[in-house]
Amino acid sequence: MKIIYGTSNLGKIKQVEDFFNATDIDVNIISLKDIGFNKEIIEDGVTFEENSMIKAKAIQEFCKEKGIKDITIVTDDTGLCVDCLNGQPGVHSARYAGDHAPQEVAIEKLLKDIEKTGDKQRTAKFVCVLTAVLPNGEIKQVRGETLGKIAEKPGSMGKLTYGPIFIPHGFDRVMNDLKDEELGTTHREKAFLELLKII
């Protein structure tokens, strides 16, 4: 099976390849760079579902123009939703502290905004929505979530933008300080597991 995964981020591509390598499904993951897609996609949706769909349709249109057929297109929209911030940063997770803001800046802004609310529970969740355009044109969407709370101070930096301050449910350490085998199935993996049931 050939899948165009809607990103040029090699780290994301590797995550997806590792996921499929752990299954018995033979998949060839193709990046946007591989097909020469370099258009800017304006993600102006108000939900993860809308933004993921916007990306999928833009890539679908590109594939039609280039005559790319018999392939499944998969796009995702992922973000962090904090309850005491009314679900923010949500679909604005990547731009919460401004376009291309460093990880430290985004984390600092989020922690300050939570502190202003006076909320003690600090409950939150990571959300990943995948949109799949199947070779026959049919479109499916699935959603995966990881529940948890926001730490008061960051742990190890790197990886997911908010990974240093997100404590998954059932743990007392932030996501970035957990090994993959400890963490188990993430929101992205949960979404892919749902997607596999469809494709």
N, C-alpha and C. Protein backbone atom coordinates (compact mmCIF):
# COMPACT_ATOMS: atom_id res chain seq x y z
N MET A 1 0.84 -1.19 0.00
CA MET A 1 0.00 0.00 0.00
C MET A 1 0.88 1.25 0.00
N LYS A 2 0.53 2.22 -0.86
CA LYS A 2 1.26 3.48 -0.88
C LYS A 2 0.43 4.57 -0.19
N ILE A 3 1.07 5.28 0.73
CA ILE A 3 0.40 6.36 1.45
C ILE A 3 1.21 7.64 1.32
N ILE A 4 0.57 8.70 0.82
CA ILE A 4 1.19 10.02 0.90
C ILE A 4 0.81 10.59 2.25
N TYR A 5 1.81 10.82 3.10
CA TYR A 5 1.54 11.41 4.41
C TYR A 5 1.80 12.90 4.30
N GLY A 6 0.81 13.70 4.63
CA GLY A 6 0.83 15.13 4.36
C GLY A 6 1.80 15.95 5.16
N THR A 7 3.08 15.67 5.03
CA THR A 7 4.11 16.44 5.72
C THR A 7 5.43 16.31 4.96
N SER A 8 6.29 17.30 5.16
CA SER A 8 7.67 17.20 4.67
C SER A 8 8.63 17.01 5.84
N ASN A 9 8.04 16.91 7.06
CA ASN A 9 8.82 16.73 8.28
C ASN A 9 9.29 15.27 8.38
N LEU A 10 10.60 15.08 8.24
CA LEU A 10 11.15 13.72 8.23
C LEU A 10 10.95 13.01 9.57
N GLY A 11 10.90 13.78 10.66
CA GLY A 11 10.65 13.19 11.97
C GLY A 11 9.27 12.56 12.04
N LYS A 12 8.27 13.26 11.49
CA LYS A 12 6.91 12.73 11.45
C LYS A 12 6.83 11.50 10.55
N ILE A 13 7.52 11.58 9.41
CA ILE A 13 7.52 10.45 8.48
C ILE A 13 8.09 9.21 9.17
N LYS A 14 9.19 9.40 9.91
CA LYS A 14 9.82 8.27 10.60
C LYS A 14 8.88 7.68 11.66
N GLN A 15 8.16 8.56 12.39
CA GLN A 15 7.20 8.09 13.39
C GLN A 15 6.16 7.16 12.75
N VAL A 16 5.66 7.59 11.61
CA VAL A 16 4.62 6.80 10.93
C VAL A 16 5.21 5.51 10.39
N GLU A 17 6.42 5.58 9.84
CA GLU A 17 7.07 4.36 9.34
C GLU A 17 7.30 3.37 10.47
N ASP A 18 7.75 3.88 11.63
CA ASP A 18 7.97 3.00 12.78
C ASP A 18 6.67 2.35 13.23
N PHE A 19 5.59 3.12 13.18
CA PHE A 19 4.29 2.58 13.57
C PHE A 19 3.89 1.43 12.65
N PHE A 20 4.00 1.64 11.35
CA PHE A 20 3.60 0.59 10.41
C PHE A 20 4.55 -0.60 10.44
N ASN A 21 5.83 -0.34 10.73
CA ASN A 21 6.80 -1.44 10.84
C ASN A 21 6.44 -2.39 11.98
N ALA A 22 5.71 -1.85 12.97
CA ALA A 22 5.30 -2.68 14.11
C ALA A 22 4.05 -3.50 13.80
N THR A 23 3.45 -3.24 12.63
CA THR A 23 2.28 -4.01 12.20
C THR A 23 2.73 -4.98 11.11
N ASP A 24 1.80 -5.79 10.63
CA ASP A 24 2.15 -6.72 9.55
C ASP A 24 1.66 -6.20 8.20
N ILE A 25 1.48 -4.86 8.14
CA ILE A 25 0.99 -4.24 6.91
C ILE A 25 2.16 -3.64 6.14
N ASP A 26 2.29 -4.01 4.88
CA ASP A 26 3.38 -3.51 4.04
C ASP A 26 2.96 -2.17 3.45
N VAL A 27 3.59 -1.10 3.94
CA VAL A 27 3.22 0.26 3.53
C VAL A 27 4.45 1.03 3.08
N ASN A 28 4.29 1.76 1.98
CA ASN A 28 5.33 2.66 1.50
C ASN A 28 4.87 4.09 1.81
N ILE A 29 5.56 4.75 2.75
CA ILE A 29 5.18 6.11 3.15
C ILE A 29 5.90 7.11 2.25
N ILE A 30 5.13 8.00 1.62
CA ILE A 30 5.66 9.00 0.70
C ILE A 30 5.40 10.39 1.30
N SER A 31 6.42 11.23 1.33
CA SER A 31 6.27 12.58 1.89
C SER A 31 5.83 13.57 0.81
N LEU A 32 5.45 14.75 1.24
CA LEU A 32 5.09 15.80 0.28
C LEU A 32 6.29 16.20 -0.57
N LYS A 33 7.47 16.13 0.03
CA LYS A 33 8.69 16.45 -0.70
C LYS A 33 8.90 15.46 -1.84
N ASP A 34 8.57 14.20 -1.59
CA ASP A 34 8.74 13.15 -2.60
C ASP A 34 7.90 13.40 -3.85
N ILE A 35 6.73 14.03 -3.68
CA ILE A 35 5.86 14.27 -4.84
C ILE A 35 5.99 15.69 -5.38
N GLY A 36 6.89 16.46 -4.77
CA GLY A 36 7.13 17.83 -5.25
C GLY A 36 6.09 18.84 -4.82
N PHE A 37 5.36 18.52 -3.76
CA PHE A 37 4.33 19.45 -3.25
C PHE A 37 5.00 20.47 -2.32
N ASN A 38 4.95 21.74 -2.71
CA ASN A 38 5.54 22.77 -1.85
C ASN A 38 4.63 23.99 -1.69
N LYS A 39 3.35 23.79 -1.99
CA LYS A 39 2.39 24.88 -1.84
C LYS A 39 2.13 25.17 -0.37
N GLU A 40 1.88 26.43 -0.06
CA GLU A 40 1.48 26.77 1.31
C GLU A 40 -0.01 26.49 1.47
N ILE A 41 -0.35 25.76 2.51
CA ILE A 41 -1.75 25.45 2.78
C ILE A 41 -2.23 26.34 3.93
N ILE A 42 -3.26 27.11 3.69
CA ILE A 42 -3.81 27.99 4.73
C ILE A 42 -4.77 27.18 5.60
N GLU A 43 -4.34 26.89 6.82
CA GLU A 43 -5.16 26.11 7.75
C GLU A 43 -6.00 27.07 8.58
N ASP A 44 -7.17 27.44 8.05
CA ASP A 44 -8.01 28.42 8.72
C ASP A 44 -9.28 27.81 9.31
N GLY A 45 -9.25 26.51 9.51
CA GLY A 45 -10.39 25.84 10.15
C GLY A 45 -10.44 26.13 11.64
N VAL A 46 -11.59 25.89 12.26
CA VAL A 46 -11.73 26.15 13.70
C VAL A 46 -11.67 24.85 14.51
N THR A 47 -11.56 23.72 13.82
CA THR A 47 -11.44 22.43 14.51
C THR A 47 -10.28 21.65 13.88
N PHE A 48 -9.80 20.65 14.60
CA PHE A 48 -8.76 19.77 14.06
C PHE A 48 -9.29 19.06 12.81
N GLU A 49 -10.55 18.68 12.85
CA GLU A 49 -11.16 17.98 11.71
C GLU A 49 -11.13 18.85 10.46
N GLU A 50 -11.47 20.13 10.63
CA GLU A 50 -11.51 21.04 9.48
C GLU A 50 -10.11 21.25 8.90
N ASN A 51 -9.13 21.48 9.76
CA ASN A 51 -7.77 21.73 9.27
C ASN A 51 -7.17 20.50 8.59
N SER A 52 -7.42 19.33 9.16
CA SER A 52 -6.93 18.10 8.56
C SER A 52 -7.57 17.89 7.18
N MET A 53 -8.84 18.22 7.06
CA MET A 53 -9.57 18.09 5.79
C MET A 53 -9.05 19.07 4.75
N ILE A 54 -8.76 20.30 5.19
CA ILE A 54 -8.22 21.32 4.28
C ILE A 54 -6.92 20.83 3.65
N LYS A 55 -6.05 20.26 4.47
CA LYS A 55 -4.77 19.74 3.97
C LYS A 55 -5.00 18.58 3.00
N ALA A 56 -5.90 17.67 3.37
CA ALA A 56 -6.16 16.49 2.54
C ALA A 56 -6.67 16.89 1.16
N LYS A 57 -7.60 17.84 1.12
CA LYS A 57 -8.19 18.24 -0.16
C LYS A 57 -7.18 18.99 -1.04
N ALA A 58 -6.28 19.76 -0.40
CA ALA A 58 -5.25 20.47 -1.16
C ALA A 58 -4.30 19.47 -1.82
N ILE A 59 -3.94 18.43 -1.09
CA ILE A 59 -3.04 17.41 -1.64
C ILE A 59 -3.76 16.57 -2.69
N GLN A 60 -5.04 16.28 -2.44
CA GLN A 60 -5.84 15.53 -3.42
C GLN A 60 -5.90 16.28 -4.75
N GLU A 61 -6.11 17.58 -4.69
CA GLU A 61 -6.18 18.40 -5.91
C GLU A 61 -4.83 18.39 -6.65
N PHE A 62 -3.75 18.47 -5.88
CA PHE A 62 -2.41 18.44 -6.46
C PHE A 62 -2.17 17.11 -7.17
N CYS A 63 -2.57 16.02 -6.54
CA CYS A 63 -2.39 14.69 -7.13
C CYS A 63 -3.18 14.54 -8.43
N LYS A 64 -4.38 15.13 -8.46
CA LYS A 64 -5.18 15.09 -9.69
C LYS A 64 -4.47 15.83 -10.81
N GLU A 65 -3.91 17.01 -10.47
CA GLU A 65 -3.20 17.82 -11.47
C GLU A 65 -1.98 17.08 -12.02
N LYS A 66 -1.30 16.34 -11.15
CA LYS A 66 -0.06 15.66 -11.54
C LYS A 66 -0.29 14.23 -12.03
N GLY A 67 -1.54 13.79 -12.03
CA GLY A 67 -1.84 12.44 -12.50
C GLY A 67 -1.39 11.34 -11.55
N ILE A 68 -1.29 11.68 -10.27
CA ILE A 68 -0.89 10.68 -9.26
C ILE A 68 -2.14 9.91 -8.83
N LYS A 69 -2.17 8.60 -9.11
CA LYS A 69 -3.37 7.81 -8.86
C LYS A 69 -3.06 6.60 -7.99
N ASP A 70 -4.14 5.91 -7.60
CA ASP A 70 -4.05 4.64 -6.86
C ASP A 70 -3.19 4.78 -5.61
N ILE A 71 -3.46 5.82 -4.86
CA ILE A 71 -2.67 6.09 -3.66
C ILE A 71 -3.60 6.63 -2.58
N THR A 72 -3.28 6.35 -1.32
CA THR A 72 -4.07 6.87 -0.20
C THR A 72 -3.36 8.11 0.35
N ILE A 73 -4.11 9.18 0.55
CA ILE A 73 -3.58 10.41 1.12
C ILE A 73 -3.99 10.47 2.59
N VAL A 74 -3.03 10.70 3.47
CA VAL A 74 -3.33 10.83 4.90
C VAL A 74 -2.75 12.15 5.42
N THR A 75 -3.59 12.95 6.06
CA THR A 75 -3.13 14.20 6.66
C THR A 75 -3.54 14.21 8.14
N ASP A 76 -2.82 14.99 8.92
CA ASP A 76 -3.19 15.08 10.33
C ASP A 76 -3.23 16.53 10.78
N ASP A 77 -3.98 16.78 11.81
CA ASP A 77 -3.90 18.04 12.54
C ASP A 77 -3.85 17.66 14.01
N THR A 78 -2.85 18.18 14.69
CA THR A 78 -2.57 17.77 16.06
C THR A 78 -2.37 18.99 16.94
N GLY A 79 -2.81 18.90 18.18
CA GLY A 79 -2.59 20.02 19.09
C GLY A 79 -2.93 19.68 20.53
N LEU A 80 -2.66 20.63 21.39
CA LEU A 80 -2.90 20.49 22.83
C LEU A 80 -4.11 21.33 23.22
N CYS A 81 -5.02 20.74 23.97
CA CYS A 81 -6.21 21.45 24.46
C CYS A 81 -6.17 21.48 25.99
N VAL A 82 -6.16 22.69 26.55
CA VAL A 82 -6.11 22.85 28.01
C VAL A 82 -7.48 23.30 28.50
N ASP A 83 -8.05 22.55 29.44
CA ASP A 83 -9.43 22.80 29.87
C ASP A 83 -9.64 24.19 30.44
N CYS A 84 -8.72 24.65 31.31
CA CYS A 84 -8.92 25.95 31.96
C CYS A 84 -8.71 27.12 30.99
N LEU A 85 -8.21 26.83 29.79
CA LEU A 85 -8.05 27.86 28.75
C LEU A 85 -9.09 27.68 27.65
N ASN A 86 -10.20 27.01 28.02
CA ASN A 86 -11.30 26.79 27.08
C ASN A 86 -10.86 26.07 25.80
N GLY A 87 -9.95 25.09 26.00
CA GLY A 87 -9.52 24.28 24.87
C GLY A 87 -8.34 24.84 24.09
N GLN A 88 -7.88 26.01 24.48
CA GLN A 88 -6.69 26.58 23.82
C GLN A 88 -5.44 25.86 24.31
N PRO A 89 -4.34 25.86 23.57
CA PRO A 89 -4.17 26.49 22.27
C PRO A 89 -4.87 25.78 21.11
N GLY A 90 -5.25 24.51 21.27
CA GLY A 90 -6.06 23.81 20.27
C GLY A 90 -5.47 23.85 18.87
N VAL A 91 -6.29 24.29 17.90
CA VAL A 91 -5.83 24.31 16.50
C VAL A 91 -4.73 25.35 16.29
N HIS A 92 -4.52 26.21 17.28
CA HIS A 92 -3.47 27.23 17.17
C HIS A 92 -2.20 26.82 17.91
N SER A 93 -2.08 25.54 18.26
CA SER A 93 -0.95 25.07 19.07
C SER A 93 0.40 25.47 18.49
N ALA A 94 0.55 25.35 17.17
CA ALA A 94 1.84 25.64 16.55
C ALA A 94 2.13 27.14 16.48
N ARG A 95 1.07 27.95 16.58
CA ARG A 95 1.25 29.40 16.44
C ARG A 95 0.83 30.15 17.70
N TYR A 96 0.70 29.45 18.79
CA TYR A 96 0.16 30.03 20.03
C TYR A 96 0.97 31.22 20.52
N ALA A 97 2.29 31.13 20.39
CA ALA A 97 3.16 32.23 20.85
C ALA A 97 3.71 33.01 19.65
N GLY A 98 3.06 32.87 18.49
CA GLY A 98 3.52 33.52 17.28
C GLY A 98 4.12 32.51 16.32
N ASP A 99 4.10 32.83 15.04
CA ASP A 99 4.63 31.92 14.02
C ASP A 99 6.09 31.60 14.28
N HIS A 100 6.40 30.31 14.24
CA HIS A 100 7.78 29.82 14.39
C HIS A 100 8.43 30.22 15.72
N ALA A 101 7.61 30.42 16.75
CA ALA A 101 8.17 30.75 18.08
C ALA A 101 8.95 29.56 18.62
N PRO A 102 10.09 29.79 19.27
CA PRO A 102 10.86 28.68 19.86
C PRO A 102 10.03 27.93 20.90
N GLN A 103 10.37 26.68 21.11
CA GLN A 103 9.65 25.84 22.06
C GLN A 103 9.57 26.48 23.44
N GLU A 104 10.68 27.03 23.90
CA GLU A 104 10.73 27.64 25.23
C GLU A 104 9.73 28.79 25.35
N VAL A 105 9.58 29.57 24.28
CA VAL A 105 8.66 30.72 24.29
C VAL A 105 7.21 30.25 24.36
N ALA A 106 6.87 29.23 23.56
CA ALA A 106 5.50 28.70 23.55
C ALA A 106 5.14 28.12 24.92
N ILE A 107 6.07 27.38 25.52
CA ILE A 107 5.82 26.78 26.83
C ILE A 107 5.66 27.85 27.90
N GLU A 108 6.52 28.84 27.87
CA GLU A 108 6.45 29.92 28.86
C GLU A 108 5.12 30.65 28.79
N LYS A 109 4.65 30.94 27.57
CA LYS A 109 3.36 31.62 27.41
C LYS A 109 2.23 30.76 27.95
N LEU A 110 2.25 29.47 27.63
CA LEU A 110 1.18 28.58 28.08
C LEU A 110 1.14 28.49 29.60
N LEU A 111 2.29 28.31 30.22
CA LEU A 111 2.34 28.20 31.68
C LEU A 111 1.85 29.49 32.36
N LYS A 112 2.20 30.63 31.80
CA LYS A 112 1.75 31.91 32.36
C LYS A 112 0.25 32.08 32.22
N ASP A 113 -0.28 31.68 31.06
CA ASP A 113 -1.72 31.81 30.82
C ASP A 113 -2.52 30.90 31.76
N ILE A 114 -2.00 29.70 32.02
CA ILE A 114 -2.67 28.79 32.95
C ILE A 114 -2.61 29.36 34.37
N GLU A 115 -1.46 29.90 34.73
CA GLU A 115 -1.29 30.46 36.07
C GLU A 115 -2.28 31.59 36.32
N LYS A 116 -2.56 32.39 35.30
CA LYS A 116 -3.50 33.51 35.44
C LYS A 116 -4.90 33.04 35.79
N THR A 117 -5.26 31.82 35.35
CA THR A 117 -6.62 31.32 35.61
C THR A 117 -6.79 30.86 37.06
N GLY A 118 -5.68 30.54 37.73
CA GLY A 118 -5.75 30.04 39.10
C GLY A 118 -6.21 28.60 39.19
N ASP A 119 -6.32 27.92 38.05
CA ASP A 119 -6.78 26.53 38.03
C ASP A 119 -5.73 25.60 38.64
N LYS A 120 -6.18 24.71 39.51
CA LYS A 120 -5.25 23.79 40.19
C LYS A 120 -5.22 22.41 39.52
N GLN A 121 -6.26 22.06 38.78
CA GLN A 121 -6.33 20.73 38.16
C GLN A 121 -5.43 20.64 36.94
N ARG A 122 -5.39 21.70 36.16
CA ARG A 122 -4.52 21.81 34.98
C ARG A 122 -4.72 20.67 33.98
N THR A 123 -5.97 20.17 33.89
CA THR A 123 -6.25 19.05 32.99
C THR A 123 -6.16 19.48 31.52
N ALA A 124 -5.70 18.55 30.69
CA ALA A 124 -5.48 18.84 29.27
C ALA A 124 -5.50 17.55 28.48
N LYS A 125 -5.44 17.68 27.16
CA LYS A 125 -5.34 16.49 26.30
C LYS A 125 -4.64 16.85 25.00
N PHE A 126 -3.88 15.90 24.48
CA PHE A 126 -3.34 15.99 23.13
C PHE A 126 -4.36 15.35 22.20
N VAL A 127 -4.60 15.98 21.06
CA VAL A 127 -5.56 15.47 20.08
C VAL A 127 -4.87 15.32 18.73
N CYS A 128 -5.15 14.22 18.04
CA CYS A 128 -4.69 14.03 16.67
C CYS A 128 -5.87 13.58 15.82
N VAL A 129 -6.15 14.32 14.77
CA VAL A 129 -7.20 13.94 13.82
C VAL A 129 -6.54 13.62 12.49
N LEU A 130 -6.83 12.44 11.97
CA LEU A 130 -6.32 12.01 10.67
C LEU A 130 -7.45 12.02 9.65
N THR A 131 -7.15 12.54 8.47
CA THR A 131 -8.08 12.46 7.35
C THR A 131 -7.44 11.58 6.29
N ALA A 132 -8.16 10.62 5.80
CA ALA A 132 -7.66 9.72 4.75
C ALA A 132 -8.53 9.86 3.50
N VAL A 133 -7.87 10.15 2.37
CA VAL A 133 -8.55 10.13 1.08
C VAL A 133 -8.15 8.83 0.41
N LEU A 134 -9.09 7.91 0.29
CA LEU A 134 -8.83 6.59 -0.27
C LEU A 134 -8.71 6.67 -1.79
N PRO A 135 -8.08 5.66 -2.42
CA PRO A 135 -7.89 5.69 -3.87
C PRO A 135 -9.18 5.89 -4.67
N ASN A 136 -10.32 5.45 -4.10
CA ASN A 136 -11.60 5.62 -4.81
C ASN A 136 -12.24 6.99 -4.56
N GLY A 137 -11.52 7.87 -3.81
CA GLY A 137 -12.03 9.22 -3.55
C GLY A 137 -12.80 9.34 -2.25
N GLU A 138 -13.10 8.21 -1.62
CA GLU A 138 -13.83 8.24 -0.36
C GLU A 138 -12.97 8.88 0.73
N ILE A 139 -13.59 9.67 1.61
CA ILE A 139 -12.85 10.37 2.66
C ILE A 139 -13.31 9.88 4.03
N LYS A 140 -12.34 9.56 4.89
CA LYS A 140 -12.62 9.10 6.25
C LYS A 140 -11.82 9.95 7.24
N GLN A 141 -12.39 10.15 8.43
CA GLN A 141 -11.67 10.86 9.49
C GLN A 141 -11.71 10.06 10.78
N VAL A 142 -10.60 10.08 11.50
CA VAL A 142 -10.51 9.40 12.80
C VAL A 142 -9.81 10.34 13.78
N ARG A 143 -9.98 10.04 15.06
CA ARG A 143 -9.45 10.92 16.11
C ARG A 143 -8.82 10.08 17.22
N GLY A 144 -7.67 10.53 17.72
CA GLY A 144 -7.02 9.90 18.86
C GLY A 144 -6.69 10.94 19.91
N GLU A 145 -6.81 10.58 21.18
CA GLU A 145 -6.55 11.53 22.26
C GLU A 145 -5.68 10.91 23.35
N THR A 146 -4.84 11.73 23.96
CA THR A 146 -4.08 11.34 25.14
C THR A 146 -4.44 12.32 26.25
N LEU A 147 -5.07 11.81 27.32
CA LEU A 147 -5.49 12.67 28.43
C LEU A 147 -4.34 12.87 29.42
N GLY A 148 -4.38 13.99 30.12
CA GLY A 148 -3.34 14.25 31.11
C GLY A 148 -3.52 15.60 31.77
N LYS A 149 -2.41 16.18 32.21
CA LYS A 149 -2.45 17.51 32.83
C LYS A 149 -1.14 18.23 32.55
N ILE A 150 -1.14 19.52 32.84
CA ILE A 150 0.03 20.35 32.55
C ILE A 150 0.89 20.49 33.81
N ALA A 151 2.17 20.20 33.67
CA ALA A 151 3.12 20.32 34.79
C ALA A 151 3.36 21.79 35.11
N GLU A 152 3.85 22.04 36.32
CA GLU A 152 4.15 23.42 36.69
C GLU A 152 5.48 23.89 36.13
N LYS A 153 6.40 22.93 35.93
CA LYS A 153 7.71 23.26 35.36
C LYS A 153 8.04 22.27 34.25
N PRO A 154 8.77 22.73 33.23
CA PRO A 154 9.11 21.85 32.10
C PRO A 154 10.10 20.76 32.48
N GLY A 155 9.99 19.63 31.79
CA GLY A 155 11.00 18.57 31.88
C GLY A 155 11.96 18.71 30.72
N SER A 156 12.40 17.59 30.16
CA SER A 156 13.35 17.61 29.05
C SER A 156 12.74 18.29 27.83
N MET A 157 13.53 19.17 27.21
CA MET A 157 13.04 19.90 26.04
C MET A 157 13.22 19.03 24.79
N GLY A 158 12.64 19.50 23.66
CA GLY A 158 12.71 18.78 22.40
C GLY A 158 11.43 18.02 22.13
N LYS A 159 11.44 17.26 21.05
CA LYS A 159 10.29 16.44 20.62
C LYS A 159 9.06 17.32 20.40
N LEU A 160 7.87 16.86 20.82
CA LEU A 160 6.65 17.65 20.65
C LEU A 160 6.78 18.97 21.40
N THR A 161 6.24 20.04 20.83
CA THR A 161 6.37 21.38 21.43
C THR A 161 6.00 21.39 22.90
N TYR A 162 4.86 20.76 23.24
CA TYR A 162 4.37 20.81 24.62
C TYR A 162 4.66 19.53 25.40
N GLY A 163 5.45 18.63 24.81
CA GLY A 163 5.84 17.39 25.48
C GLY A 163 6.56 17.62 26.81
N PRO A 164 7.35 18.70 26.95
CA PRO A 164 8.07 18.93 28.20
C PRO A 164 7.18 19.30 29.39
N ILE A 165 5.90 19.66 29.12
CA ILE A 165 5.04 20.07 30.24
C ILE A 165 3.75 19.24 30.33
N PHE A 166 3.62 18.21 29.49
CA PHE A 166 2.40 17.40 29.49
C PHE A 166 2.64 16.10 30.24
N ILE A 167 1.89 15.90 31.31
CA ILE A 167 1.97 14.66 32.10
C ILE A 167 0.79 13.77 31.71
N PRO A 168 1.04 12.67 31.01
CA PRO A 168 -0.06 11.78 30.62
C PRO A 168 -0.74 11.16 31.84
N HIS A 169 -2.02 10.89 31.71
CA HIS A 169 -2.80 10.29 32.80
C HIS A 169 -2.15 8.98 33.26
N GLY A 170 -1.99 8.85 34.57
CA GLY A 170 -1.41 7.64 35.13
C GLY A 170 0.09 7.74 35.39
N PHE A 171 0.68 8.88 35.05
CA PHE A 171 2.12 9.08 35.26
C PHE A 171 2.37 10.29 36.15
N ASP A 172 3.59 10.37 36.68
CA ASP A 172 3.97 11.54 37.47
C ASP A 172 5.14 12.28 36.83
N ARG A 173 5.42 11.93 35.56
CA ARG A 173 6.47 12.60 34.80
C ARG A 173 5.92 13.08 33.46
N VAL A 174 6.57 14.10 32.91
CA VAL A 174 6.10 14.64 31.64
C VAL A 174 6.40 13.66 30.50
N MET A 175 5.69 13.84 29.42
CA MET A 175 5.80 12.95 28.25
C MET A 175 7.25 12.82 27.77
N ASN A 176 7.96 13.94 27.73
CA ASN A 176 9.33 13.91 27.22
C ASN A 176 10.29 13.12 28.10
N ASP A 177 9.93 12.91 29.36
CA ASP A 177 10.80 12.16 30.27
C ASP A 177 10.43 10.70 30.36
N LEU A 178 9.46 10.28 29.54
CA LEU A 178 9.04 8.88 29.51
C LEU A 178 9.62 8.18 28.29
N LYS A 179 10.04 6.94 28.46
CA LYS A 179 10.49 6.14 27.33
C LYS A 179 9.27 5.70 26.53
N ASP A 180 9.49 5.42 25.24
CA ASP A 180 8.38 5.03 24.36
C ASP A 180 7.61 3.83 24.91
N GLU A 181 8.35 2.86 25.46
CA GLU A 181 7.68 1.65 25.97
C GLU A 181 6.87 1.94 27.23
N GLU A 182 7.27 2.99 27.98
CA GLU A 182 6.50 3.40 29.16
C GLU A 182 5.23 4.12 28.74
N LEU A 183 5.39 5.00 27.78
CA LEU A 183 4.29 5.86 27.36
C LEU A 183 3.15 5.07 26.73
N GLY A 184 3.51 4.04 25.97
CA GLY A 184 2.46 3.25 25.33
C GLY A 184 1.92 3.95 24.10
N THR A 185 0.64 3.77 23.82
CA THR A 185 0.02 4.27 22.60
C THR A 185 -0.32 5.75 22.73
N THR A 186 0.27 6.58 21.85
CA THR A 186 0.02 8.02 21.89
C THR A 186 -1.24 8.37 21.10
N HIS A 187 -1.62 9.63 21.16
CA HIS A 187 -2.79 10.12 20.44
C HIS A 187 -2.66 9.88 18.93
N ARG A 188 -1.46 10.08 18.37
CA ARG A 188 -1.26 9.85 16.94
C ARG A 188 -1.40 8.36 16.61
N GLU A 189 -0.81 7.51 17.46
CA GLU A 189 -0.91 6.07 17.24
C GLU A 189 -2.33 5.57 17.39
N LYS A 190 -3.06 6.13 18.37
CA LYS A 190 -4.46 5.75 18.54
C LYS A 190 -5.26 6.09 17.28
N ALA A 191 -4.98 7.27 16.72
CA ALA A 191 -5.68 7.66 15.49
C ALA A 191 -5.34 6.72 14.35
N PHE A 192 -4.06 6.35 14.24
CA PHE A 192 -3.65 5.43 13.16
C PHE A 192 -4.26 4.05 13.35
N LEU A 193 -4.40 3.61 14.59
CA LEU A 193 -5.04 2.32 14.84
C LEU A 193 -6.49 2.33 14.37
N GLU A 194 -7.16 3.47 14.60
CA GLU A 194 -8.54 3.61 14.12
C GLU A 194 -8.56 3.63 12.59
N LEU A 195 -7.57 4.31 12.02
CA LEU A 195 -7.51 4.41 10.56
C LEU A 195 -7.29 3.04 9.92
N LEU A 196 -6.47 2.22 10.55
CA LEU A 196 -6.19 0.89 10.01
C LEU A 196 -7.44 0.04 9.89
N LYS A 197 -8.39 0.28 10.79
CA LYS A 197 -9.65 -0.47 10.74
C LYS A 197 -10.41 -0.15 9.45
N ILE A 198 -10.12 1.05 8.92
CA ILE A 198 -10.84 1.52 7.72
C ILE A 198 -10.11 1.13 6.45
N ILE A 199 -8.78 1.31 6.45
CA ILE A 199 -8.03 1.09 5.21
C ILE A 199 -7.38 -0.27 5.11
